[in-house]
N, C-alpha and C. Protein backbone atom coordinates (compact mmCIF):
# COMPACT_ATOMS: atom_id res chain seq x y z
N UNK A 1 -25.58 -72.84 8.28
CA UNK A 1 -24.49 -73.11 9.20
C UNK A 1 -23.19 -72.56 8.67
N UNK A 2 -23.05 -72.50 7.36
CA UNK A 2 -21.83 -71.94 6.80
C UNK A 2 -20.71 -72.93 6.62
N UNK A 3 -21.03 -74.23 6.51
CA UNK A 3 -19.98 -75.21 6.27
C UNK A 3 -19.42 -75.00 4.88
N UNK A 4 -18.11 -75.14 4.74
CA UNK A 4 -17.50 -74.98 3.43
C UNK A 4 -17.16 -76.32 2.80
N UNK A 5 -17.12 -77.38 3.62
CA UNK A 5 -16.83 -78.71 3.09
C UNK A 5 -17.74 -79.72 3.78
N UNK A 6 -17.84 -80.91 3.17
CA UNK A 6 -18.60 -81.98 3.80
C UNK A 6 -17.94 -82.41 5.09
N UNK A 7 -16.61 -82.34 5.16
CA UNK A 7 -15.93 -82.69 6.40
C UNK A 7 -16.41 -81.80 7.54
N UNK A 8 -16.61 -80.50 7.25
CA UNK A 8 -17.12 -79.59 8.27
C UNK A 8 -18.51 -80.01 8.73
N UNK A 9 -19.36 -80.37 7.77
CA UNK A 9 -20.73 -80.80 8.10
C UNK A 9 -20.69 -82.08 8.93
N UNK A 10 -19.82 -83.02 8.55
CA UNK A 10 -19.71 -84.28 9.28
C UNK A 10 -19.19 -84.03 10.69
N UNK A 11 -18.16 -83.19 10.81
CA UNK A 11 -17.63 -82.87 12.14
C UNK A 11 -18.70 -82.26 13.03
N UNK A 12 -19.48 -81.33 12.45
CA UNK A 12 -20.56 -80.71 13.22
C UNK A 12 -21.58 -81.75 13.66
N UNK A 13 -21.96 -82.63 12.72
CA UNK A 13 -22.97 -83.64 13.02
C UNK A 13 -22.48 -84.60 14.10
N UNK A 14 -21.22 -85.01 14.02
CA UNK A 14 -20.67 -85.92 15.03
C UNK A 14 -20.61 -85.22 16.39
N UNK A 15 -20.14 -83.99 16.38
CA UNK A 15 -20.05 -83.23 17.63
C UNK A 15 -21.41 -83.09 18.31
N UNK A 16 -22.44 -82.93 17.51
CA UNK A 16 -23.79 -82.75 18.05
C UNK A 16 -24.59 -84.06 18.06
N UNK A 17 -23.91 -85.19 17.80
CA UNK A 17 -24.53 -86.51 17.76
C UNK A 17 -25.78 -86.49 16.88
N UNK A 18 -25.61 -85.94 15.70
CA UNK A 18 -26.71 -85.77 14.76
C UNK A 18 -26.69 -86.82 13.66
N UNK A 19 -27.80 -86.96 13.00
CA UNK A 19 -27.92 -87.81 11.82
C UNK A 19 -28.04 -86.89 10.62
N UNK A 20 -28.05 -87.47 9.42
CA UNK A 20 -28.25 -86.64 8.22
C UNK A 20 -29.59 -85.93 8.27
N UNK A 21 -30.60 -86.56 8.87
CA UNK A 21 -31.90 -85.90 9.00
C UNK A 21 -31.79 -84.65 9.87
N UNK A 22 -30.99 -84.74 10.93
CA UNK A 22 -30.76 -83.56 11.78
C UNK A 22 -30.03 -82.47 11.03
N UNK A 23 -29.05 -82.87 10.20
CA UNK A 23 -28.31 -81.90 9.39
C UNK A 23 -29.28 -81.21 8.42
N UNK A 24 -30.16 -81.98 7.80
CA UNK A 24 -31.14 -81.41 6.86
C UNK A 24 -32.02 -80.40 7.57
N UNK A 25 -32.52 -80.77 8.74
CA UNK A 25 -33.36 -79.86 9.52
C UNK A 25 -32.59 -78.59 9.85
N UNK A 26 -31.34 -78.75 10.26
CA UNK A 26 -30.50 -77.60 10.60
C UNK A 26 -30.30 -76.69 9.38
N UNK A 27 -30.20 -77.30 8.20
CA UNK A 27 -30.02 -76.52 6.97
C UNK A 27 -31.33 -75.93 6.47
N UNK A 28 -32.45 -76.41 6.99
CA UNK A 28 -33.74 -75.91 6.56
C UNK A 28 -34.26 -76.55 5.28
N UNK A 29 -33.78 -77.78 4.99
CA UNK A 29 -34.28 -78.52 3.84
C UNK A 29 -34.89 -79.82 4.34
N UNK A 30 -35.68 -80.46 3.49
CA UNK A 30 -36.29 -81.71 3.93
C UNK A 30 -35.23 -82.81 3.96
N UNK A 31 -35.35 -83.75 4.90
CA UNK A 31 -34.42 -84.87 4.94
C UNK A 31 -34.41 -85.66 3.64
N UNK A 32 -35.58 -85.80 3.01
CA UNK A 32 -35.66 -86.54 1.74
C UNK A 32 -34.85 -85.84 0.65
N UNK A 33 -34.92 -84.52 0.61
CA UNK A 33 -34.15 -83.78 -0.39
C UNK A 33 -32.65 -83.94 -0.16
N UNK A 34 -32.22 -83.85 1.10
CA UNK A 34 -30.80 -84.02 1.40
C UNK A 34 -30.33 -85.43 1.06
N UNK A 35 -31.11 -86.45 1.44
CA UNK A 35 -30.73 -87.83 1.14
C UNK A 35 -30.66 -88.05 -0.38
N UNK A 36 -31.59 -87.45 -1.11
CA UNK A 36 -31.58 -87.56 -2.57
C UNK A 36 -30.31 -86.91 -3.15
N UNK A 37 -29.95 -85.75 -2.63
CA UNK A 37 -28.76 -85.06 -3.11
C UNK A 37 -27.51 -85.87 -2.77
N UNK A 38 -27.47 -86.41 -1.54
CA UNK A 38 -26.32 -87.20 -1.11
C UNK A 38 -26.17 -88.43 -2.00
N UNK A 39 -27.28 -89.08 -2.33
CA UNK A 39 -27.25 -90.30 -3.16
C UNK A 39 -26.67 -90.04 -4.54
N UNK A 40 -26.79 -88.82 -5.03
CA UNK A 40 -26.26 -88.48 -6.36
C UNK A 40 -24.77 -88.22 -6.36
N UNK A 41 -24.19 -88.05 -5.19
CA UNK A 41 -22.76 -87.72 -5.07
C UNK A 41 -22.02 -88.87 -4.41
N UNK A 42 -21.26 -89.59 -5.18
CA UNK A 42 -20.57 -90.78 -4.67
C UNK A 42 -19.48 -90.47 -3.65
N UNK A 43 -19.00 -89.24 -3.61
CA UNK A 43 -17.90 -88.91 -2.72
C UNK A 43 -18.36 -88.53 -1.32
N UNK A 44 -19.66 -88.56 -1.08
CA UNK A 44 -20.17 -88.19 0.23
C UNK A 44 -20.10 -89.41 1.15
N UNK A 45 -19.36 -89.31 2.26
CA UNK A 45 -19.27 -90.46 3.16
C UNK A 45 -20.57 -90.66 3.91
N UNK A 46 -20.77 -91.86 4.42
CA UNK A 46 -21.96 -92.12 5.22
C UNK A 46 -21.72 -91.62 6.64
N UNK A 47 -22.76 -91.22 7.26
CA UNK A 47 -22.67 -90.71 8.63
C UNK A 47 -22.65 -91.90 9.59
N UNK A 48 -21.65 -91.96 10.46
CA UNK A 48 -21.68 -93.02 11.46
C UNK A 48 -22.96 -92.93 12.29
N UNK A 49 -23.55 -94.08 12.58
CA UNK A 49 -24.80 -94.10 13.33
C UNK A 49 -24.57 -93.68 14.77
N UNK A 50 -25.65 -93.40 15.45
CA UNK A 50 -25.57 -93.02 16.85
C UNK A 50 -25.10 -94.20 17.69
N UNK A 51 -24.56 -93.90 18.85
CA UNK A 51 -24.08 -94.94 19.76
C UNK A 51 -25.24 -95.70 20.38
N UNK A 52 -25.04 -97.00 20.55
CA UNK A 52 -26.03 -97.81 21.26
C UNK A 52 -25.77 -97.71 22.76
N UNK A 53 -26.72 -98.14 23.55
CA UNK A 53 -26.56 -98.12 25.00
C UNK A 53 -25.36 -98.99 25.41
N UNK A 54 -25.19 -100.13 24.74
CA UNK A 54 -24.06 -101.02 25.04
C UNK A 54 -22.73 -100.34 24.70
N UNK A 55 -22.68 -99.63 23.57
CA UNK A 55 -21.45 -98.92 23.20
C UNK A 55 -21.14 -97.81 24.19
N UNK A 56 -22.16 -97.11 24.65
CA UNK A 56 -21.95 -96.05 25.64
C UNK A 56 -21.38 -96.64 26.93
N UNK A 57 -21.93 -97.78 27.36
CA UNK A 57 -21.44 -98.46 28.56
C UNK A 57 -19.98 -98.90 28.37
N UNK A 58 -19.66 -99.47 27.22
CA UNK A 58 -18.30 -99.92 26.96
C UNK A 58 -17.33 -98.74 26.85
N UNK A 59 -17.76 -97.64 26.27
CA UNK A 59 -16.90 -96.46 26.20
C UNK A 59 -16.64 -95.90 27.60
N UNK A 60 -17.65 -95.91 28.46
CA UNK A 60 -17.44 -95.48 29.85
C UNK A 60 -16.43 -96.40 30.54
N UNK A 61 -16.55 -97.69 30.30
CA UNK A 61 -15.60 -98.66 30.85
C UNK A 61 -14.19 -98.38 30.31
N UNK A 62 -14.10 -98.08 29.02
CA UNK A 62 -12.81 -97.76 28.40
C UNK A 62 -12.20 -96.50 29.03
N UNK A 63 -13.02 -95.50 29.27
CA UNK A 63 -12.52 -94.27 29.91
C UNK A 63 -11.97 -94.55 31.30
N UNK A 64 -12.71 -95.35 32.07
CA UNK A 64 -12.26 -95.68 33.42
C UNK A 64 -10.96 -96.49 33.37
N UNK A 65 -10.90 -97.46 32.45
CA UNK A 65 -9.70 -98.28 32.33
C UNK A 65 -8.50 -97.42 31.91
N UNK A 66 -8.72 -96.52 30.96
CA UNK A 66 -7.64 -95.65 30.49
C UNK A 66 -7.17 -94.72 31.61
N UNK A 67 -8.12 -94.21 32.40
CA UNK A 67 -7.75 -93.33 33.51
C UNK A 67 -6.90 -94.07 34.54
N UNK A 68 -7.21 -95.34 34.76
CA UNK A 68 -6.47 -96.13 35.75
C UNK A 68 -5.14 -96.65 35.22
N UNK A 69 -5.13 -97.11 33.96
CA UNK A 69 -3.93 -97.76 33.41
C UNK A 69 -3.12 -96.87 32.46
N UNK A 70 -3.74 -95.81 31.95
CA UNK A 70 -3.03 -94.93 31.03
C UNK A 70 -3.02 -95.43 29.59
N UNK A 71 -3.65 -96.57 29.35
CA UNK A 71 -3.69 -97.15 28.01
C UNK A 71 -4.89 -98.08 27.90
N UNK A 72 -5.25 -98.40 26.66
CA UNK A 72 -6.29 -99.40 26.43
C UNK A 72 -5.70 -100.71 25.94
N UNK A 73 -4.38 -100.85 25.99
CA UNK A 73 -3.72 -102.08 25.55
C UNK A 73 -2.94 -102.68 26.70
N UNK A 74 -3.20 -103.84 27.16
CA UNK A 74 -4.42 -104.61 26.98
C UNK A 74 -5.51 -104.04 27.87
N UNK A 75 -6.74 -104.32 27.52
CA UNK A 75 -7.87 -103.80 28.27
C UNK A 75 -8.51 -104.90 29.09
N UNK A 76 -8.95 -104.55 30.26
CA UNK A 76 -9.66 -105.48 31.13
C UNK A 76 -10.91 -104.77 31.61
N UNK A 77 -12.01 -105.39 31.79
CA UNK A 77 -12.23 -106.83 31.76
C UNK A 77 -12.25 -107.38 30.35
N UNK A 78 -12.40 -108.69 30.27
CA UNK A 78 -12.37 -109.40 29.00
C UNK A 78 -13.42 -108.87 28.03
N UNK A 79 -14.57 -108.48 28.54
CA UNK A 79 -15.65 -107.94 27.69
C UNK A 79 -15.17 -106.71 26.93
N UNK A 80 -14.43 -105.83 27.59
CA UNK A 80 -13.92 -104.63 26.94
C UNK A 80 -12.88 -104.99 25.89
N UNK A 81 -11.96 -105.90 26.23
CA UNK A 81 -10.93 -106.30 25.27
C UNK A 81 -11.56 -106.95 24.05
N UNK A 82 -12.56 -107.78 24.25
CA UNK A 82 -13.25 -108.43 23.13
C UNK A 82 -13.89 -107.39 22.22
N UNK A 83 -14.54 -106.39 22.80
CA UNK A 83 -15.18 -105.34 22.01
C UNK A 83 -14.14 -104.51 21.26
N UNK A 84 -13.04 -104.18 21.93
CA UNK A 84 -11.97 -103.43 21.26
C UNK A 84 -11.39 -104.21 20.09
N UNK A 85 -11.23 -105.51 20.26
CA UNK A 85 -10.73 -106.36 19.17
C UNK A 85 -11.66 -106.29 17.97
N UNK A 86 -12.97 -106.36 18.23
CA UNK A 86 -13.95 -106.27 17.13
C UNK A 86 -13.89 -104.89 16.46
N UNK A 87 -13.72 -103.85 17.28
CA UNK A 87 -13.64 -102.49 16.72
C UNK A 87 -12.38 -102.33 15.88
N UNK A 88 -11.26 -102.88 16.32
CA UNK A 88 -10.01 -102.81 15.54
C UNK A 88 -10.16 -103.54 14.21
N UNK A 89 -10.81 -104.71 14.26
CA UNK A 89 -11.04 -105.48 13.04
C UNK A 89 -11.89 -104.68 12.05
N UNK A 90 -12.95 -104.06 12.54
CA UNK A 90 -13.81 -103.24 11.68
C UNK A 90 -13.03 -102.05 11.12
N UNK A 91 -12.21 -101.41 11.95
CA UNK A 91 -11.39 -100.28 11.51
C UNK A 91 -10.42 -100.72 10.42
N UNK A 92 -9.79 -101.88 10.62
CA UNK A 92 -8.84 -102.40 9.64
C UNK A 92 -9.52 -102.74 8.31
N UNK A 93 -10.83 -102.99 8.36
CA UNK A 93 -11.59 -103.28 7.14
C UNK A 93 -12.19 -102.02 6.52
N UNK A 94 -11.80 -100.85 7.04
CA UNK A 94 -12.23 -99.59 6.43
C UNK A 94 -13.53 -99.01 6.96
N UNK A 95 -14.02 -99.51 8.07
CA UNK A 95 -15.26 -99.00 8.65
C UNK A 95 -14.93 -97.96 9.71
N UNK A 96 -15.75 -96.92 9.78
CA UNK A 96 -15.61 -95.93 10.83
C UNK A 96 -16.94 -95.80 11.53
N UNK A 97 -16.92 -95.85 12.85
CA UNK A 97 -18.13 -95.70 13.64
C UNK A 97 -17.92 -94.60 14.67
N UNK A 98 -19.00 -94.15 15.25
CA UNK A 98 -18.89 -93.15 16.31
C UNK A 98 -18.09 -93.71 17.48
N UNK A 99 -18.27 -94.99 17.76
CA UNK A 99 -17.51 -95.61 18.85
C UNK A 99 -16.01 -95.50 18.59
N UNK A 100 -15.60 -95.73 17.35
CA UNK A 100 -14.18 -95.63 17.01
C UNK A 100 -13.67 -94.20 17.17
N UNK A 101 -14.49 -93.25 16.80
CA UNK A 101 -14.12 -91.84 16.95
C UNK A 101 -13.93 -91.53 18.43
N UNK A 102 -14.84 -92.00 19.26
CA UNK A 102 -14.73 -91.79 20.70
C UNK A 102 -13.51 -92.51 21.28
N UNK A 103 -13.26 -93.74 20.82
CA UNK A 103 -12.07 -94.47 21.29
C UNK A 103 -10.80 -93.71 20.97
N UNK A 104 -10.76 -93.10 19.79
CA UNK A 104 -9.57 -92.32 19.41
C UNK A 104 -9.39 -91.10 20.29
N UNK A 105 -10.48 -90.56 20.79
CA UNK A 105 -10.39 -89.42 21.72
C UNK A 105 -9.89 -89.89 23.09
N UNK A 106 -10.29 -91.09 23.49
CA UNK A 106 -9.85 -91.64 24.78
C UNK A 106 -8.38 -92.01 24.73
N UNK A 107 -8.00 -92.76 23.70
CA UNK A 107 -6.62 -93.24 23.55
C UNK A 107 -6.31 -93.38 22.06
N UNK A 108 -5.55 -92.43 21.49
CA UNK A 108 -5.27 -92.49 20.06
C UNK A 108 -4.58 -93.78 19.60
N UNK A 109 -4.00 -94.52 20.52
CA UNK A 109 -3.30 -95.76 20.15
C UNK A 109 -4.13 -97.01 20.39
N UNK A 110 -5.42 -96.87 20.62
CA UNK A 110 -6.27 -98.00 21.00
C UNK A 110 -6.12 -99.11 20.01
């Protein structure tokens, strides 16, 4: 693929909704070999997992709400606001998920 940094590899994987196993396949190495190499390097971040069906539904709701209101603060219905609150709490604790990446694309101020 020609990635020069792990950030490039991660960006590619996120863009293609890939896992580390998909990255290994793309590179032409076994997933076990890539996972073993990653485990030896402490500076390699973990790949955010794929979106769940519930997260996809909530992100679609967030897109519709943002299109109508221009913001995700405050968000309605209550289910969306509750989910956003949990996502903000996780973000504040240093966690990054694919859902958070997508939320940032919808509304950088979420």
